[in-house]
Amino acid sequence: MSFHSLVGASLLLSIGPWALPNIKQPRKAKHVKMIVEYAEKHKQDPYELLAIAITESSLNPKAVSWAGAIGLFQVMCKYWTKPLGYKTKKQCEKALLNPHANVRAGVHVLNTYRKKYKQCQGDKVYRCYYAGQGWPKRTGRLKRKIERYEEKVVEKRELLHRHYTDLIERIRSKAKSRI
């Protein structure tokens, strides 16, 4: 285990739910519910999806980055227009401001990396989500930034398990009864 992994692990132990946005706040809670229900319906890990959306946008469905990433999952239409089934980048960008479409797109991106690239297996899929399948070629500060992104998602996923299992499992249970 590297020094940075050890430091990250010890920091995780000292971090509480305040390291996450308040997912019980009504504006955030509706997106939490939607993501968990989507995960349940499509056999995805709701903790993973929530961790990515929290890391990417802090559960803000209107978030748009300086690079053009859009919505809860900060999907880049620049790369994903055609694979997501849109005809134009503009059509993709407009559609992905819809939180439901954005969740579907984020899951599509995540699953595409998982299925197609050996360097995107396990938690390393978060590196691919952040920087594409070419991340292993990155060096220096950029490589460290990519590694840190993976650590952030894993940290948030663990915090969600630790502090919000009851809430998430309640939503999952209700979603199961409707499926």
N, C-alpha and C. Protein backbone atom coordinates (compact mmCIF):
# COMPACT_ATOMS: atom_id res chain seq x y z
N MET A 1 0.86 -1.18 0.00
CA MET A 1 0.00 0.00 0.00
C MET A 1 0.90 1.24 0.00
N SER A 2 0.60 2.19 -0.86
CA SER A 2 1.43 3.39 -0.96
C SER A 2 1.18 4.34 0.21
N PHE A 3 2.09 5.26 0.38
CA PHE A 3 1.95 6.28 1.42
C PHE A 3 0.64 7.03 1.27
N HIS A 4 0.34 7.42 -0.01
CA HIS A 4 -0.89 8.19 -0.26
C HIS A 4 -2.13 7.37 0.07
N SER A 5 -2.10 6.06 -0.21
CA SER A 5 -3.24 5.21 0.11
C SER A 5 -3.43 5.12 1.61
N LEU A 6 -2.31 5.00 2.35
CA LEU A 6 -2.40 4.94 3.81
C LEU A 6 -2.94 6.24 4.38
N VAL A 7 -2.44 7.35 3.88
CA VAL A 7 -2.93 8.65 4.34
C VAL A 7 -4.41 8.78 4.01
N GLY A 8 -4.80 8.39 2.78
CA GLY A 8 -6.20 8.46 2.38
C GLY A 8 -7.07 7.59 3.26
N ALA A 9 -6.60 6.39 3.58
CA ALA A 9 -7.38 5.49 4.43
C ALA A 9 -7.54 6.06 5.83
N SER A 10 -6.49 6.66 6.37
CA SER A 10 -6.60 7.22 7.72
C SER A 10 -7.49 8.46 7.72
N LEU A 11 -7.46 9.24 6.65
CA LEU A 11 -8.35 10.40 6.55
C LEU A 11 -9.80 9.95 6.48
N LEU A 12 -10.04 8.88 5.73
CA LEU A 12 -11.40 8.38 5.60
C LEU A 12 -11.98 8.01 6.96
N LEU A 13 -11.16 7.43 7.82
CA LEU A 13 -11.63 7.03 9.14
C LEU A 13 -12.02 8.23 9.99
N SER A 14 -11.41 9.39 9.73
CA SER A 14 -11.69 10.56 10.54
C SER A 14 -12.75 11.47 9.93
N ILE A 15 -13.22 11.13 8.73
CA ILE A 15 -14.19 11.98 8.04
C ILE A 15 -15.59 11.47 8.34
N GLY A 16 -16.48 12.39 8.64
CA GLY A 16 -17.87 12.02 8.93
C GLY A 16 -18.79 12.41 7.81
N PRO A 17 -20.09 12.36 8.05
CA PRO A 17 -21.06 12.66 7.00
C PRO A 17 -20.99 14.10 6.51
N TRP A 18 -20.35 14.98 7.27
CA TRP A 18 -20.21 16.37 6.83
C TRP A 18 -19.34 16.49 5.59
N ALA A 19 -18.64 15.43 5.21
CA ALA A 19 -17.84 15.44 3.99
C ALA A 19 -18.71 15.23 2.75
N LEU A 20 -19.98 14.94 2.96
CA LEU A 20 -20.95 14.77 1.87
C LEU A 20 -21.92 15.93 1.90
N PRO A 21 -22.54 16.24 0.76
CA PRO A 21 -23.61 17.24 0.81
C PRO A 21 -24.77 16.65 1.62
N ASN A 22 -25.62 17.49 2.14
CA ASN A 22 -26.76 17.00 2.91
C ASN A 22 -27.76 16.35 1.96
N ILE A 23 -27.69 15.03 1.86
CA ILE A 23 -28.53 14.33 0.88
C ILE A 23 -29.98 14.21 1.34
N LYS A 24 -30.26 14.68 2.55
CA LYS A 24 -31.65 14.68 3.02
C LYS A 24 -32.35 16.01 2.72
N GLN A 25 -31.58 17.01 2.31
CA GLN A 25 -32.15 18.31 1.92
C GLN A 25 -33.08 18.07 0.72
N PRO A 26 -34.29 18.62 0.73
CA PRO A 26 -35.27 18.30 -0.32
C PRO A 26 -34.75 18.39 -1.75
N ARG A 27 -33.99 19.43 -2.09
CA ARG A 27 -33.49 19.56 -3.46
C ARG A 27 -32.56 18.42 -3.84
N LYS A 28 -31.78 17.94 -2.87
CA LYS A 28 -30.84 16.84 -3.12
C LYS A 28 -31.54 15.50 -2.97
N ALA A 29 -32.46 15.40 -2.01
CA ALA A 29 -33.13 14.13 -1.70
C ALA A 29 -33.89 13.58 -2.91
N LYS A 30 -34.49 14.45 -3.71
CA LYS A 30 -35.23 13.94 -4.87
C LYS A 30 -34.29 13.30 -5.89
N HIS A 31 -33.07 13.82 -5.99
CA HIS A 31 -32.10 13.24 -6.92
C HIS A 31 -31.51 11.96 -6.34
N VAL A 32 -31.33 11.92 -5.03
CA VAL A 32 -30.87 10.69 -4.37
C VAL A 32 -31.89 9.59 -4.65
N LYS A 33 -33.15 9.89 -4.43
CA LYS A 33 -34.22 8.90 -4.65
C LYS A 33 -34.22 8.42 -6.10
N MET A 34 -34.13 9.35 -7.04
CA MET A 34 -34.14 8.99 -8.45
C MET A 34 -32.95 8.09 -8.81
N ILE A 35 -31.77 8.42 -8.31
CA ILE A 35 -30.57 7.63 -8.61
C ILE A 35 -30.67 6.24 -7.99
N VAL A 36 -31.12 6.16 -6.75
CA VAL A 36 -31.25 4.86 -6.08
C VAL A 36 -32.30 4.00 -6.79
N GLU A 37 -33.42 4.59 -7.16
CA GLU A 37 -34.45 3.85 -7.87
C GLU A 37 -33.94 3.36 -9.23
N TYR A 38 -33.21 4.21 -9.93
CA TYR A 38 -32.63 3.80 -11.22
C TYR A 38 -31.66 2.64 -11.01
N ALA A 39 -30.82 2.76 -10.00
CA ALA A 39 -29.84 1.70 -9.71
C ALA A 39 -30.56 0.38 -9.43
N GLU A 40 -31.61 0.44 -8.64
CA GLU A 40 -32.34 -0.77 -8.29
C GLU A 40 -32.98 -1.40 -9.53
N LYS A 41 -33.59 -0.58 -10.34
CA LYS A 41 -34.27 -1.08 -11.54
C LYS A 41 -33.29 -1.68 -12.55
N HIS A 42 -32.08 -1.15 -12.60
CA HIS A 42 -31.10 -1.57 -13.62
C HIS A 42 -29.93 -2.36 -13.04
N LYS A 43 -30.11 -2.87 -11.84
CA LYS A 43 -29.11 -3.73 -11.19
C LYS A 43 -27.72 -3.08 -11.12
N GLN A 44 -27.72 -1.84 -10.66
CA GLN A 44 -26.48 -1.09 -10.45
C GLN A 44 -26.29 -0.88 -8.95
N ASP A 45 -25.10 -0.51 -8.55
CA ASP A 45 -24.80 -0.23 -7.15
C ASP A 45 -25.21 1.21 -6.84
N PRO A 46 -26.24 1.43 -6.02
CA PRO A 46 -26.68 2.80 -5.75
C PRO A 46 -25.63 3.62 -5.00
N TYR A 47 -24.83 2.98 -4.17
CA TYR A 47 -23.79 3.70 -3.43
C TYR A 47 -22.74 4.22 -4.40
N GLU A 48 -22.39 3.41 -5.38
CA GLU A 48 -21.42 3.83 -6.39
C GLU A 48 -21.96 4.99 -7.22
N LEU A 49 -23.20 4.85 -7.69
CA LEU A 49 -23.77 5.92 -8.52
C LEU A 49 -23.91 7.22 -7.75
N LEU A 50 -24.36 7.13 -6.51
CA LEU A 50 -24.46 8.34 -5.69
C LEU A 50 -23.08 8.96 -5.45
N ALA A 51 -22.09 8.12 -5.18
CA ALA A 51 -20.74 8.63 -4.94
C ALA A 51 -20.20 9.38 -6.16
N ILE A 52 -20.46 8.85 -7.35
CA ILE A 52 -20.01 9.53 -8.57
C ILE A 52 -20.76 10.85 -8.74
N ALA A 53 -22.07 10.83 -8.60
CA ALA A 53 -22.85 12.07 -8.77
C ALA A 53 -22.48 13.13 -7.74
N ILE A 54 -22.21 12.70 -6.51
CA ILE A 54 -21.79 13.65 -5.47
C ILE A 54 -20.42 14.22 -5.80
N THR A 55 -19.50 13.36 -6.24
CA THR A 55 -18.15 13.82 -6.58
C THR A 55 -18.19 14.75 -7.78
N GLU A 56 -18.99 14.40 -8.76
CA GLU A 56 -19.04 15.17 -10.01
C GLU A 56 -19.75 16.51 -9.87
N SER A 57 -20.92 16.50 -9.23
CA SER A 57 -21.76 17.72 -9.28
C SER A 57 -22.33 18.14 -7.94
N SER A 58 -22.01 17.40 -6.88
CA SER A 58 -22.62 17.66 -5.58
C SER A 58 -24.15 17.57 -5.69
N LEU A 59 -24.60 16.67 -6.57
CA LEU A 59 -26.03 16.42 -6.83
C LEU A 59 -26.75 17.64 -7.42
N ASN A 60 -26.02 18.42 -8.20
CA ASN A 60 -26.62 19.58 -8.87
C ASN A 60 -26.92 19.21 -10.32
N PRO A 61 -28.21 19.04 -10.67
CA PRO A 61 -28.55 18.61 -12.03
C PRO A 61 -28.29 19.67 -13.10
N LYS A 62 -28.07 20.90 -12.68
CA LYS A 62 -27.82 21.99 -13.64
C LYS A 62 -26.34 22.33 -13.77
N ALA A 63 -25.50 21.56 -13.12
CA ALA A 63 -24.06 21.84 -13.16
C ALA A 63 -23.52 21.70 -14.59
N VAL A 64 -22.72 22.69 -14.99
CA VAL A 64 -22.02 22.64 -16.27
C VAL A 64 -20.60 23.10 -15.98
N SER A 65 -19.63 22.25 -16.33
CA SER A 65 -18.23 22.58 -16.03
C SER A 65 -17.65 23.47 -17.12
N TRP A 66 -16.48 24.03 -16.83
CA TRP A 66 -15.77 24.86 -17.80
C TRP A 66 -15.43 24.05 -19.04
N ALA A 67 -15.30 22.72 -18.89
CA ALA A 67 -14.94 21.85 -20.02
C ALA A 67 -16.15 21.38 -20.81
N GLY A 68 -17.35 21.70 -20.31
CA GLY A 68 -18.56 21.30 -21.02
C GLY A 68 -19.23 20.05 -20.48
N ALA A 69 -18.78 19.55 -19.34
CA ALA A 69 -19.44 18.41 -18.71
C ALA A 69 -20.77 18.87 -18.13
N ILE A 70 -21.80 18.02 -18.24
CA ILE A 70 -23.16 18.45 -17.94
C ILE A 70 -23.86 17.56 -16.92
N GLY A 71 -24.57 18.22 -16.00
CA GLY A 71 -25.53 17.55 -15.13
C GLY A 71 -24.96 16.80 -13.95
N LEU A 72 -25.82 15.98 -13.35
CA LEU A 72 -25.48 15.22 -12.14
C LEU A 72 -24.20 14.40 -12.31
N PHE A 73 -24.07 13.76 -13.46
CA PHE A 73 -22.92 12.87 -13.70
C PHE A 73 -21.85 13.52 -14.56
N GLN A 74 -22.01 14.79 -14.87
CA GLN A 74 -21.02 15.56 -15.63
C GLN A 74 -20.53 14.82 -16.88
N VAL A 75 -21.49 14.43 -17.71
CA VAL A 75 -21.19 13.71 -18.95
C VAL A 75 -20.73 14.70 -20.02
N MET A 76 -19.71 14.30 -20.76
CA MET A 76 -19.14 15.14 -21.82
C MET A 76 -19.72 14.75 -23.18
N CYS A 77 -20.62 15.58 -23.68
CA CYS A 77 -21.23 15.30 -24.99
C CYS A 77 -20.18 15.32 -26.10
N LYS A 78 -19.12 16.04 -25.88
CA LYS A 78 -18.01 16.09 -26.83
C LYS A 78 -17.55 14.68 -27.21
N TYR A 79 -17.61 13.75 -26.26
CA TYR A 79 -17.16 12.38 -26.49
C TYR A 79 -18.31 11.38 -26.62
N TRP A 80 -19.47 11.70 -26.05
CA TRP A 80 -20.51 10.69 -25.88
C TRP A 80 -21.79 10.93 -26.69
N THR A 81 -21.82 11.93 -27.55
CA THR A 81 -23.03 12.23 -28.33
C THR A 81 -23.52 10.99 -29.09
N LYS A 82 -22.69 10.44 -29.93
CA LYS A 82 -23.10 9.28 -30.76
C LYS A 82 -23.34 8.04 -29.92
N PRO A 83 -22.41 7.66 -29.01
CA PRO A 83 -22.67 6.46 -28.21
C PRO A 83 -23.95 6.53 -27.38
N LEU A 84 -24.39 7.74 -27.04
CA LEU A 84 -25.63 7.89 -26.27
C LEU A 84 -26.87 7.97 -27.18
N GLY A 85 -26.64 7.97 -28.49
CA GLY A 85 -27.75 7.95 -29.43
C GLY A 85 -28.28 9.31 -29.85
N TYR A 86 -27.51 10.36 -29.61
CA TYR A 86 -27.93 11.70 -30.03
C TYR A 86 -27.30 12.01 -31.38
N LYS A 87 -28.01 12.84 -32.17
CA LYS A 87 -27.51 13.18 -33.50
C LYS A 87 -26.46 14.29 -33.47
N THR A 88 -26.68 15.25 -32.55
CA THR A 88 -25.75 16.38 -32.49
C THR A 88 -25.31 16.62 -31.05
N LYS A 89 -24.19 17.29 -30.93
CA LYS A 89 -23.69 17.66 -29.61
C LYS A 89 -24.69 18.56 -28.89
N LYS A 90 -25.27 19.49 -29.63
CA LYS A 90 -26.25 20.41 -29.05
C LYS A 90 -27.47 19.66 -28.52
N GLN A 91 -27.95 18.67 -29.27
CA GLN A 91 -29.08 17.85 -28.84
C GLN A 91 -28.70 17.09 -27.55
N CYS A 92 -27.51 16.56 -27.51
CA CYS A 92 -27.01 15.84 -26.34
C CYS A 92 -26.97 16.77 -25.12
N GLU A 93 -26.40 17.94 -25.30
CA GLU A 93 -26.28 18.89 -24.18
C GLU A 93 -27.64 19.30 -23.62
N LYS A 94 -28.59 19.53 -24.50
CA LYS A 94 -29.93 19.90 -24.04
C LYS A 94 -30.57 18.73 -23.29
N ALA A 95 -30.45 17.54 -23.85
CA ALA A 95 -31.07 16.35 -23.23
C ALA A 95 -30.47 16.05 -21.86
N LEU A 96 -29.17 16.22 -21.72
CA LEU A 96 -28.51 15.82 -20.48
C LEU A 96 -28.74 16.80 -19.33
N LEU A 97 -29.41 17.90 -19.58
CA LEU A 97 -29.83 18.77 -18.48
C LEU A 97 -31.04 18.17 -17.76
N ASN A 98 -31.67 17.17 -18.39
CA ASN A 98 -32.75 16.42 -17.74
C ASN A 98 -32.08 15.40 -16.81
N PRO A 99 -32.36 15.45 -15.51
CA PRO A 99 -31.68 14.56 -14.57
C PRO A 99 -31.84 13.07 -14.88
N HIS A 100 -33.02 12.66 -15.35
CA HIS A 100 -33.23 11.23 -15.68
C HIS A 100 -32.33 10.81 -16.84
N ALA A 101 -32.28 11.63 -17.87
CA ALA A 101 -31.42 11.34 -19.03
C ALA A 101 -29.96 11.35 -18.61
N ASN A 102 -29.61 12.23 -17.70
CA ASN A 102 -28.22 12.34 -17.25
C ASN A 102 -27.80 11.10 -16.46
N VAL A 103 -28.67 10.59 -15.62
CA VAL A 103 -28.36 9.37 -14.87
C VAL A 103 -28.15 8.22 -15.84
N ARG A 104 -29.06 8.06 -16.80
CA ARG A 104 -28.92 6.99 -17.81
C ARG A 104 -27.58 7.13 -18.53
N ALA A 105 -27.24 8.36 -18.91
CA ALA A 105 -25.99 8.59 -19.64
C ALA A 105 -24.78 8.28 -18.77
N GLY A 106 -24.79 8.73 -17.53
CA GLY A 106 -23.67 8.44 -16.63
C GLY A 106 -23.46 6.95 -16.43
N VAL A 107 -24.54 6.21 -16.28
CA VAL A 107 -24.45 4.76 -16.11
C VAL A 107 -23.94 4.12 -17.40
N HIS A 108 -24.40 4.62 -18.54
CA HIS A 108 -23.92 4.11 -19.83
C HIS A 108 -22.41 4.29 -19.96
N VAL A 109 -21.94 5.47 -19.62
CA VAL A 109 -20.50 5.76 -19.69
C VAL A 109 -19.74 4.80 -18.76
N LEU A 110 -20.16 4.69 -17.54
CA LEU A 110 -19.51 3.83 -16.55
C LEU A 110 -19.47 2.38 -17.04
N ASN A 111 -20.61 1.87 -17.49
CA ASN A 111 -20.67 0.48 -17.94
C ASN A 111 -19.89 0.23 -19.22
N THR A 112 -19.84 1.23 -20.10
CA THR A 112 -19.04 1.10 -21.33
C THR A 112 -17.58 0.92 -20.97
N TYR A 113 -17.05 1.75 -20.09
CA TYR A 113 -15.65 1.61 -19.68
C TYR A 113 -15.41 0.25 -19.04
N ARG A 114 -16.30 -0.17 -18.16
CA ARG A 114 -16.15 -1.45 -17.47
C ARG A 114 -16.10 -2.63 -18.44
N LYS A 115 -16.97 -2.59 -19.45
CA LYS A 115 -17.09 -3.72 -20.38
C LYS A 115 -15.99 -3.75 -21.43
N LYS A 116 -15.50 -2.59 -21.84
CA LYS A 116 -14.60 -2.54 -23.00
C LYS A 116 -13.11 -2.50 -22.69
N TYR A 117 -12.72 -2.08 -21.49
CA TYR A 117 -11.31 -1.80 -21.25
C TYR A 117 -10.79 -2.48 -19.98
N LYS A 118 -9.71 -3.24 -20.14
CA LYS A 118 -9.17 -3.96 -18.98
C LYS A 118 -8.59 -2.99 -17.93
N GLN A 119 -8.16 -1.82 -18.35
CA GLN A 119 -7.61 -0.84 -17.40
C GLN A 119 -8.72 -0.11 -16.63
N CYS A 120 -9.96 -0.50 -16.89
CA CYS A 120 -11.11 0.15 -16.23
C CYS A 120 -11.88 -0.84 -15.35
N GLN A 121 -11.19 -1.79 -14.77
CA GLN A 121 -11.85 -2.79 -13.94
C GLN A 121 -11.79 -2.38 -12.46
N GLY A 122 -12.74 -2.87 -11.69
CA GLY A 122 -12.79 -2.56 -10.26
C GLY A 122 -12.93 -1.06 -10.05
N ASP A 123 -12.28 -0.56 -9.02
CA ASP A 123 -12.35 0.88 -8.71
C ASP A 123 -11.62 1.74 -9.73
N LYS A 124 -10.78 1.13 -10.56
CA LYS A 124 -10.08 1.91 -11.59
C LYS A 124 -11.04 2.44 -12.66
N VAL A 125 -12.27 1.93 -12.67
CA VAL A 125 -13.27 2.46 -13.59
C VAL A 125 -13.50 3.94 -13.32
N TYR A 126 -13.29 4.37 -12.09
CA TYR A 126 -13.48 5.80 -11.78
C TYR A 126 -12.41 6.64 -12.45
N ARG A 127 -11.22 6.10 -12.60
CA ARG A 127 -10.17 6.82 -13.34
C ARG A 127 -10.59 6.98 -14.79
N CYS A 128 -11.16 5.93 -15.37
CA CYS A 128 -11.63 5.99 -16.75
C CYS A 128 -12.78 6.98 -16.88
N TYR A 129 -13.68 6.95 -15.92
CA TYR A 129 -14.83 7.87 -15.94
C TYR A 129 -14.33 9.32 -15.95
N TYR A 130 -13.29 9.58 -15.19
CA TYR A 130 -12.76 10.93 -15.05
C TYR A 130 -11.90 11.35 -16.24
N ALA A 131 -11.06 10.42 -16.73
CA ALA A 131 -10.04 10.82 -17.70
C ALA A 131 -10.01 9.98 -18.97
N GLY A 132 -10.95 9.06 -19.12
CA GLY A 132 -10.96 8.22 -20.32
C GLY A 132 -10.07 7.00 -20.18
N GLN A 133 -10.19 6.09 -21.14
CA GLN A 133 -9.46 4.84 -21.07
C GLN A 133 -7.96 5.00 -21.24
N GLY A 134 -7.51 6.16 -21.68
CA GLY A 134 -6.08 6.40 -21.86
C GLY A 134 -5.37 6.87 -20.59
N TRP A 135 -6.06 6.86 -19.46
CA TRP A 135 -5.46 7.38 -18.21
C TRP A 135 -4.13 6.75 -17.84
N PRO A 136 -3.86 5.47 -18.12
CA PRO A 136 -2.56 4.92 -17.69
C PRO A 136 -1.35 5.61 -18.33
N LYS A 137 -1.57 6.28 -19.46
CA LYS A 137 -0.47 6.97 -20.14
C LYS A 137 -0.14 8.33 -19.51
N ARG A 138 -1.02 8.80 -18.65
CA ARG A 138 -0.82 10.11 -18.02
C ARG A 138 0.30 10.03 -16.98
N THR A 139 0.99 11.14 -16.81
CA THR A 139 2.10 11.18 -15.86
C THR A 139 2.01 12.43 -14.99
N GLY A 140 2.87 12.47 -14.00
CA GLY A 140 3.01 13.66 -13.17
C GLY A 140 1.76 14.08 -12.43
N ARG A 141 1.54 15.39 -12.41
CA ARG A 141 0.39 15.95 -11.67
C ARG A 141 -0.95 15.44 -12.18
N LEU A 142 -1.05 15.30 -13.49
CA LEU A 142 -2.32 14.83 -14.06
C LEU A 142 -2.61 13.41 -13.60
N LYS A 143 -1.61 12.56 -13.58
CA LYS A 143 -1.81 11.19 -13.11
C LYS A 143 -2.26 11.20 -11.65
N ARG A 144 -1.63 12.03 -10.84
CA ARG A 144 -2.01 12.12 -9.42
C ARG A 144 -3.44 12.65 -9.27
N LYS A 145 -3.83 13.58 -10.11
CA LYS A 145 -5.19 14.12 -10.07
C LYS A 145 -6.21 13.02 -10.40
N ILE A 146 -5.88 12.20 -11.38
CA ILE A 146 -6.74 11.08 -11.77
C ILE A 146 -6.85 10.07 -10.63
N GLU A 147 -5.73 9.76 -10.01
CA GLU A 147 -5.74 8.84 -8.87
C GLU A 147 -6.55 9.41 -7.71
N ARG A 148 -6.43 10.69 -7.48
CA ARG A 148 -7.16 11.35 -6.40
C ARG A 148 -8.67 11.31 -6.66
N TYR A 149 -9.05 11.42 -7.92
CA TYR A 149 -10.47 11.33 -8.24
C TYR A 149 -11.02 9.96 -7.82
N GLU A 150 -10.29 8.91 -8.17
CA GLU A 150 -10.71 7.57 -7.75
C GLU A 150 -10.84 7.51 -6.22
N GLU A 151 -9.88 8.05 -5.51
CA GLU A 151 -9.92 8.04 -4.04
C GLU A 151 -11.15 8.77 -3.51
N LYS A 152 -11.49 9.90 -4.14
CA LYS A 152 -12.67 10.67 -3.70
C LYS A 152 -13.95 9.88 -3.87
N VAL A 153 -14.10 9.21 -5.01
CA VAL A 153 -15.32 8.44 -5.25
C VAL A 153 -15.41 7.28 -4.25
N VAL A 154 -14.31 6.58 -4.05
CA VAL A 154 -14.30 5.46 -3.10
C VAL A 154 -14.62 5.97 -1.70
N GLU A 155 -14.03 7.10 -1.32
CA GLU A 155 -14.28 7.70 -0.01
C GLU A 155 -15.76 8.03 0.18
N LYS A 156 -16.35 8.64 -0.82
CA LYS A 156 -17.77 9.01 -0.73
C LYS A 156 -18.66 7.76 -0.70
N ARG A 157 -18.30 6.76 -1.47
CA ARG A 157 -19.07 5.51 -1.46
C ARG A 157 -19.04 4.89 -0.05
N GLU A 158 -17.87 4.88 0.57
CA GLU A 158 -17.74 4.35 1.93
C GLU A 158 -18.52 5.18 2.94
N LEU A 159 -18.47 6.50 2.80
CA LEU A 159 -19.23 7.37 3.71
C LEU A 159 -20.73 7.16 3.55
N LEU A 160 -21.18 6.96 2.34
CA LEU A 160 -22.60 6.69 2.11
C LEU A 160 -23.00 5.38 2.80
N HIS A 161 -22.16 4.37 2.68
CA HIS A 161 -22.42 3.09 3.37
C HIS A 161 -22.46 3.30 4.88
N ARG A 162 -21.53 4.07 5.38
CA ARG A 162 -21.40 4.25 6.83
C ARG A 162 -22.52 5.08 7.42
N HIS A 163 -22.94 6.13 6.73
CA HIS A 163 -23.85 7.10 7.34
C HIS A 163 -25.27 7.13 6.76
N TYR A 164 -25.46 6.54 5.58
CA TYR A 164 -26.77 6.66 4.94
C TYR A 164 -27.35 5.32 4.47
N THR A 165 -26.85 4.22 5.00
CA THR A 165 -27.36 2.90 4.61
C THR A 165 -28.86 2.79 4.85
N ASP A 166 -29.33 3.23 6.02
CA ASP A 166 -30.76 3.11 6.32
C ASP A 166 -31.61 3.84 5.28
N LEU A 167 -31.24 5.06 4.96
CA LEU A 167 -31.99 5.85 3.98
C LEU A 167 -31.96 5.18 2.61
N ILE A 168 -30.78 4.81 2.16
CA ILE A 168 -30.63 4.23 0.82
C ILE A 168 -31.36 2.89 0.72
N GLU A 169 -31.24 2.07 1.75
CA GLU A 169 -31.91 0.77 1.72
C GLU A 169 -33.43 0.91 1.80
N ARG A 170 -33.92 1.93 2.48
CA ARG A 170 -35.36 2.20 2.51
C ARG A 170 -35.87 2.55 1.11
N ILE A 171 -35.13 3.38 0.42
CA ILE A 171 -35.50 3.76 -0.96
C ILE A 171 -35.45 2.52 -1.86
N ARG A 172 -34.40 1.71 -1.71
CA ARG A 172 -34.27 0.49 -2.52
C ARG A 172 -35.44 -0.45 -2.28
N SER A 173 -35.80 -0.60 -1.03
CA SER A 173 -36.89 -1.51 -0.68
C SER A 173 -38.21 -1.07 -1.32
N LYS A 174 -38.48 0.22 -1.26
CA LYS A 174 -39.71 0.74 -1.89
C LYS A 174 -39.65 0.56 -3.40
N ALA A 175 -38.47 0.78 -3.98
CA ALA A 175 -38.31 0.62 -5.43
C ALA A 175 -38.52 -0.84 -5.83
N LYS A 176 -38.00 -1.77 -5.05
CA LYS A 176 -38.18 -3.21 -5.34
C LYS A 176 -39.65 -3.59 -5.35
N SER A 177 -40.40 -3.03 -4.42
CA SER A 177 -41.82 -3.40 -4.34
C SER A 177 -42.62 -2.88 -5.54
N ARG A 178 -42.07 -1.88 -6.24
CA ARG A 178 -42.77 -1.34 -7.42
C ARG A 178 -42.32 -2.00 -8.72
N ILE A 179 -41.23 -2.74 -8.66
CA ILE A 179 -40.69 -3.36 -9.90
C ILE A 179 -41.43 -4.65 -10.21
